[in-house]
C-alpha atoms as a PDB file:
ATOM      1  CA  MET A   1       0.000   0.000   0.000  1.00  0.00           C
ATOM      2  CA  THR A   2       1.348   3.424  -0.844  1.00  0.00           C
ATOM      3  CA  SER A   3       1.875   5.919   1.945  1.00  0.00           C
ATOM      4  CA  VAL A   4      -0.946   8.133   0.615  1.00  0.00           C
ATOM      5  CA  LYS A   5      -3.381   5.212   0.728  1.00  0.00           C
ATOM      6  CA  ARG A   6      -2.172   4.290   4.231  1.00  0.00           C
ATOM      7  CA  VAL A   7      -2.739   7.837   5.475  1.00  0.00           C
ATOM      8  CA  PHE A   8      -6.158   7.974   3.812  1.00  0.00           C
ATOM      9  CA  CYS A   9      -7.217   4.628   5.329  1.00  0.00           C
ATOM     10  CA  SER A  10      -5.876   5.704   8.703  1.00  0.00           C
ATOM     11  CA  ILE A  11      -7.928   8.904   8.574  1.00  0.00           C
ATOM     12  CA  LEU A  12     -11.062   6.993   7.547  1.00  0.00           C
ATOM     13  CA  LEU A  13     -10.646   4.481  10.365  1.00  0.00           C
ATOM     14  CA  SER A  14     -10.039   7.272  12.873  1.00  0.00           C
ATOM     15  CA  LEU A  15     -13.176   9.080  11.764  1.00  0.00           C
ATOM     16  CA  ALA A  16     -15.209   5.883  11.925  1.00  0.00           C
ATOM     17  CA  ALA A  17     -13.979   5.229  15.453  1.00  0.00           C
ATOM     18  CA  LEU A  18     -15.121   8.613  16.698  1.00  0.00           C
ATOM     19  CA  GLU A  19     -18.524   8.511  18.271  1.00  0.00           C
ATOM     20  CA  LEU A  20     -19.583  12.050  17.561  1.00  0.00           C
ATOM     21  CA  PRO A  21     -23.325  12.586  17.705  1.00  0.00           C
ATOM     22  CA  LEU A  22     -24.745  13.809  14.417  1.00  0.00           C
ATOM     23  CA  ALA A  23     -27.757  15.345  16.112  1.00  0.00           C
ATOM     24  CA  ALA A  24     -29.024  16.063  19.553  1.00  0.00           C
ATOM     25  CA  GLU A  25     -31.751  14.027  21.185  1.00  0.00           C
ATOM     26  CA  ARG A  26     -35.001  13.303  19.376  1.00  0.00           C
ATOM     27  CA  ILE A  27     -38.236  13.205  21.339  1.00  0.00           C
ATOM     28  CA  SER A  28     -40.860  10.879  19.865  1.00  0.00           C
ATOM     29  CA  PHE A  29     -44.360  10.325  21.133  1.00  0.00           C
ATOM     30  CA  LYS A  30     -46.047   6.964  21.732  1.00  0.00           C
ATOM     31  CA  GLY A  31     -48.636   6.161  19.077  1.00  0.00           C
ATOM     32  CA  LEU A  32     -47.578   9.046  16.828  1.00  0.00           C
ATOM     33  CA  GLN A  33     -45.174   7.475  14.351  1.00  0.00           C
ATOM     34  CA  ASP A  34     -44.090  10.573  12.387  1.00  0.00           C
ATOM     35  CA  VAL A  35     -44.428  13.193  15.139  1.00  0.00           C
ATOM     36  CA  CYS A  36     -41.224  14.218  16.887  1.00  0.00           C
ATOM     37  CA  VAL A  37     -39.114  17.117  18.034  1.00  0.00           C
ATOM     38  CA  ASP A  38     -35.533  16.779  16.844  1.00  0.00           C
ATOM     39  CA  LEU A  39     -33.943  18.801  19.621  1.00  0.00           C
ATOM     40  CA  PRO A  40     -31.248  21.211  18.532  1.00  0.00           C
ATOM     41  CA  GLU A  41     -27.837  20.656  20.083  1.00  0.00           C
ATOM     42  CA  ASP A  42     -27.502  21.750  23.731  1.00  0.00           C
ATOM     43  CA  TYR A  43     -31.186  21.298  24.603  1.00  0.00           C
ATOM     44  CA  LEU A  44     -31.516  18.944  27.571  1.00  0.00           C
ATOM     45  CA  VAL A  45     -34.660  17.223  28.825  1.00  0.00           C
ATOM     46  CA  SER A  46     -35.089  18.332  32.428  1.00  0.00           C
ATOM     47  CA  GLY A  47     -38.479  16.751  33.107  1.00  0.00           C
ATOM     48  CA  SER A  48     -41.380  14.819  31.633  1.00  0.00           C
ATOM     49  CA  ASN A  49     -44.658  13.267  32.640  1.00  0.00           C
ATOM     50  CA  LYS A  50     -45.050   9.491  32.932  1.00  0.00           C
ATOM     51  CA  GLU A  51     -47.355   9.362  29.887  1.00  0.00           C
ATOM     52  CA  GLY A  52     -44.656  10.830  27.650  1.00  0.00           C
ATOM     53  CA  THR A  53     -46.901  13.667  26.465  1.00  0.00           C
ATOM     54  CA  ALA A  54     -45.201  16.589  28.239  1.00  0.00           C
ATOM     55  CA  TYR A  55     -41.552  17.592  28.418  1.00  0.00           C
ATOM     56  CA  GLN A  56     -39.595  20.463  29.914  1.00  0.00           C
ATOM     57  CA  LEU A  57     -36.276  21.371  28.325  1.00  0.00           C
ATOM     58  CA  ASP A  58     -33.435  23.662  29.281  1.00  0.00           C
ATOM     59  CA  TYR A  59     -30.760  25.027  27.006  1.00  0.00           C
ATOM     60  CA  ALA A  60     -27.282  24.176  28.306  1.00  0.00           C
ATOM     61  CA  THR A  61     -25.481  27.407  27.436  1.00  0.00           C
ATOM     62  CA  ALA A  62     -28.209  30.075  27.486  1.00  0.00           C
ATOM     63  CA  PRO A  63     -31.121  30.864  29.830  1.00  0.00           C
ATOM     64  CA  VAL A  64     -33.800  29.318  27.594  1.00  0.00           C
ATOM     65  CA  THR A  65     -36.588  27.069  28.871  1.00  0.00           C
ATOM     66  CA  ALA A  66     -38.980  25.195  26.608  1.00  0.00           C
ATOM     67  CA  VAL A  67     -41.968  22.915  26.991  1.00  0.00           C
ATOM     68  CA  ILE A  68     -43.616  20.448  24.644  1.00  0.00           C
ATOM     69  CA  ARG A  69     -47.113  19.134  25.182  1.00  0.00           C
ATOM     70  CA  ILE A  70     -49.191  16.676  23.152  1.00  0.00           C
ATOM     71  CA  TYR A  71     -52.953  16.916  23.676  1.00  0.00           C
ATOM     72  CA  GLU A  72     -55.362  14.193  22.662  1.00  0.00           C
ATOM     73  CA  GLU A  73     -57.897  14.773  19.896  1.00  0.00           C
ATOM     74  CA  GLY A  74     -61.014  16.589  21.066  1.00  0.00           C
ATOM     75  CA  ARG A  75     -59.398  18.423  23.975  1.00  0.00           C
ATOM     76  CA  PHE A  76     -59.366  21.690  22.003  1.00  0.00           C
ATOM     77  CA  SER A  77     -61.381  22.865  19.019  1.00  0.00           C
ATOM     78  CA  SER A  78     -58.297  24.295  17.270  1.00  0.00           C
ATOM     79  CA  ALA A  79     -54.534  24.636  17.494  1.00  0.00           C
ATOM     80  CA  LYS A  80     -55.024  28.312  18.374  1.00  0.00           C
ATOM     81  CA  GLU A  81     -57.229  27.384  21.331  1.00  0.00           C
ATOM     82  CA  ALA A  82     -54.589  24.878  22.516  1.00  0.00           C
ATOM     83  CA  LEU A  83     -51.872  27.523  22.222  1.00  0.00           C
ATOM     84  CA  ASP A  84     -53.896  30.265  23.922  1.00  0.00           C
ATOM     85  CA  THR A  85     -54.898  27.934  26.779  1.00  0.00           C
ATOM     86  CA  SER A  86     -51.306  26.757  27.272  1.00  0.00           C
ATOM     87  CA  LEU A  87     -50.039  30.337  27.372  1.00  0.00           C
ATOM     88  CA  ALA A  88     -52.805  31.308  29.802  1.00  0.00           C
ATOM     89  CA  ASN A  89     -51.643  28.476  32.092  1.00  0.00           C
ATOM     90  CA  LEU A  90     -48.250  30.225  32.210  1.00  0.00           C
ATOM     91  CA  LYS A  91     -50.061  33.508  32.863  1.00  0.00           C
ATOM     92  CA  ALA A  92     -48.444  34.698  29.642  1.00  0.00           C
ATOM     93  CA  GLN A  93     -49.933  37.434  27.522  1.00  0.00           C
ATOM     94  CA  GLY A  94     -49.408  38.252  23.891  1.00  0.00           C
ATOM     95  CA  PRO A  95     -50.977  37.906  20.473  1.00  0.00           C
ATOM     96  CA  SER A  96     -51.391  34.620  18.658  1.00  0.00           C
ATOM     97  CA  LYS A  97     -52.620  33.982  15.157  1.00  0.00           C
ATOM     98  CA  GLU A  98     -53.721  31.062  13.050  1.00  0.00           C
ATOM     99  CA  VAL A  99     -51.357  29.889  10.314  1.00  0.00           C
ATOM    100  CA  MET A 100     -51.419  27.106   7.740  1.00  0.00           C
ATOM    101  CA  TRP A 101     -48.637  24.564   8.141  1.00  0.00           C
ATOM    102  CA  ARG A 102     -48.372  21.257   6.303  1.00  0.00           C
ATOM    103  CA  ASN A 103     -51.959  21.770   5.046  1.00  0.00           C
ATOM    104  CA  LEU A 104     -53.270  21.929   8.605  1.00  0.00           C
ATOM    105  CA  THR A 105     -54.322  24.831  10.769  1.00  0.00           C
ATOM    106  CA  GLY A 106     -51.721  25.807  13.313  1.00  0.00           C
ATOM    107  CA  ALA A 107     -50.988  28.833  15.454  1.00  0.00           C
ATOM    108  CA  THR A 108     -48.004  30.954  16.406  1.00  0.00           C
ATOM    109  CA  GLY A 109     -47.533  33.607  19.011  1.00  0.00           C
ATOM    110  CA  GLU A 110     -45.165  35.814  20.940  1.00  0.00           C
ATOM    111  CA  PHE A 111     -45.731  36.412  24.622  1.00  0.00           C
ATOM    112  CA  GLY A 112     -44.449  37.763  27.878  1.00  0.00           C
ATOM    113  CA  PHE A 113     -44.935  36.853  31.530  1.00  0.00           C
ATOM    114  CA  ARG A 114     -43.340  37.372  34.908  1.00  0.00           C
ATOM    115  CA  PHE A 115     -41.603  34.490  36.688  1.00  0.00           C
ATOM    116  CA  ASN A 116     -40.873  35.475  40.281  1.00  0.00           C
ATOM    117  CA  THR A 117     -39.429  38.948  39.694  1.00  0.00           C
ATOM    118  CA  VAL A 118     -38.029  38.335  36.203  1.00  0.00           C
ATOM    119  CA  GLU A 119     -39.807  39.436  33.030  1.00  0.00           C
ATOM    120  CA  MET A 120     -39.781  36.668  30.419  1.00  0.00           C
ATOM    121  CA  LYS A 121     -40.332  36.810  26.652  1.00  0.00           C
ATOM    122  CA  GLY A 122     -40.870  33.971  24.245  1.00  0.00           C
ATOM    123  CA  LYS A 123     -42.408  32.401  21.193  1.00  0.00           C
ATOM    124  CA  ALA A 124     -44.782  29.507  20.780  1.00  0.00           C
ATOM    125  CA  MET A 125     -46.384  27.334  18.145  1.00  0.00           C
ATOM    126  CA  ALA A 126     -49.141  24.761  17.993  1.00  0.00           C
ATOM    127  CA  SER A 127     -50.272  22.438  15.247  1.00  0.00           C
ATOM    128  CA  LEU A 128     -52.940  19.878  14.738  1.00  0.00           C
ATOM    129  CA  ILE A 129     -51.488  16.419  14.164  1.00  0.00           C
ATOM    130  CA  PRO A 130     -52.592  14.724  10.919  1.00  0.00           C
ATOM    131  CA  ASN A 131     -55.304  12.069  10.895  1.00  0.00           C
ATOM    132  CA  GLY A 132     -57.080  13.504  13.934  1.00  0.00           C
ATOM    133  CA  LYS A 133     -54.376  12.436  16.392  1.00  0.00           C
ATOM    134  CA  GLY A 134     -54.436  15.536  18.567  1.00  0.00           C
ATOM    135  CA  CYS A 135     -52.394  18.689  18.839  1.00  0.00           C
ATOM    136  CA  ILE A 136     -48.785  19.559  19.674  1.00  0.00           C
ATOM    137  CA  VAL A 137     -47.887  22.770  21.524  1.00  0.00           C
ATOM    138  CA  CYS A 138     -44.298  24.014  21.845  1.00  0.00           C
ATOM    139  CA  ILE A 139     -43.386  27.047  23.941  1.00  0.00           C
ATOM    140  CA  ALA A 140     -39.940  28.543  24.602  1.00  0.00           C
ATOM    141  CA  TRP A 141     -38.872  31.587  26.610  1.00  0.00           C
ATOM    142  CA  CYS A 142     -35.974  33.450  28.178  1.00  0.00           C
ATOM    143  CA  PRO A 143     -35.435  36.485  30.416  1.00  0.00           C
ATOM    144  CA  GLU A 144     -36.506  39.616  28.556  1.00  0.00           C
ATOM    145  CA  ASN A 145     -33.070  41.201  28.971  1.00  0.00           C
ATOM    146  CA  GLN A 146     -31.535  38.165  27.162  1.00  0.00           C
ATOM    147  CA  LYS A 147     -34.082  38.045  24.316  1.00  0.00           C
ATOM    148  CA  GLU A 148     -31.760  39.178  21.529  1.00  0.00           C
ATOM    149  CA  LYS A 149     -29.069  36.655  22.528  1.00  0.00           C
ATOM    150  CA  CYS A 150     -31.546  33.791  23.022  1.00  0.00           C
ATOM    151  CA  GLU A 151     -33.882  34.310  20.064  1.00  0.00           C
ATOM    152  CA  PRO A 152     -31.891  32.039  17.690  1.00  0.00           C
ATOM    153  CA  PHE A 153     -32.102  29.178  20.231  1.00  0.00           C
ATOM    154  CA  ILE A 154     -35.854  29.677  20.646  1.00  0.00           C
ATOM    155  CA  THR A 155     -36.448  29.803  16.893  1.00  0.00           C
ATOM    156  CA  SER A 156     -34.281  26.717  16.355  1.00  0.00           C
ATOM    157  CA  PHE A 157     -36.349  24.792  18.902  1.00  0.00           C
ATOM    158  CA  LEU A 158     -39.650  25.734  17.243  1.00  0.00           C
ATOM    159  CA  ASP A 159     -38.224  24.827  13.831  1.00  0.00           C
ATOM    160  CA  ALA A 160     -37.385  21.310  15.075  1.00  0.00           C
ATOM    161  CA  VAL A 161     -41.018  20.119  15.229  1.00  0.00           C
ATOM    162  CA  TYR A 162     -42.104  17.408  12.797  1.00  0.00           C
ATOM    163  CA  ILE A 163     -45.809  16.559  12.579  1.00  0.00           C
ATOM    164  CA  ASP A 164     -45.681  14.109   9.667  1.00  0.00           C
ATOM    165  CA  ALA A 165     -43.224  12.369   7.354  1.00  0.00           C
ATOM    166  CA  GLY A 166     -43.297  15.302   4.912  1.00  0.00           C
ATOM    167  CA  SER A 167     -42.076  17.653   7.645  1.00  0.00           C
ATOM    168  CA  TYR A 168     -38.669  16.011   7.449  1.00  0.00           C
ATOM    169  CA  PHE A 169     -38.132  17.477   3.981  1.00  0.00           C
ATOM    170  CA  GLU A 170     -38.921  21.140   4.603  1.00  0.00           C
ATOM    171  CA  SER A 171     -38.160  23.768   7.172  1.00  0.00           C
ATOM    172  CA  GLY A 172     -40.702  24.680   9.856  1.00  0.00           C
END
């Protein structure tokens, strides 16, 4: 074997031996084959319910908190109602609007709320799940004084939601 081939093979074997993750964790939901949230790097699951329908996430290197919630079909009349109710549970206020996403009605919103003495700002989205399988709500926030720094992490989280197989081939 020539020295160039040896070096090339050595590099290939070294790369193959590395166990570098290609993506962060993926959260899937029982009974919902194509629905998942492909968590951006540095998001860590900090809590979940035993049914696997609610998760709390924290960003490792910025003060961002996020939640994911799957609601069963019939709980809400629309994705906007699910989003507005979820935000109200946080005592958050801000406008939301209906949007079309993947040929289904969804909702997006920006909001603010106070946690202890800290003003928080964030973004949220909700979407119906195809074939009448419920609704997914994703909410992310950070301290208001960190909003500019944290906005890319919040947007990246909301862009990581997949509600069907077609979602894997287009951006959120």
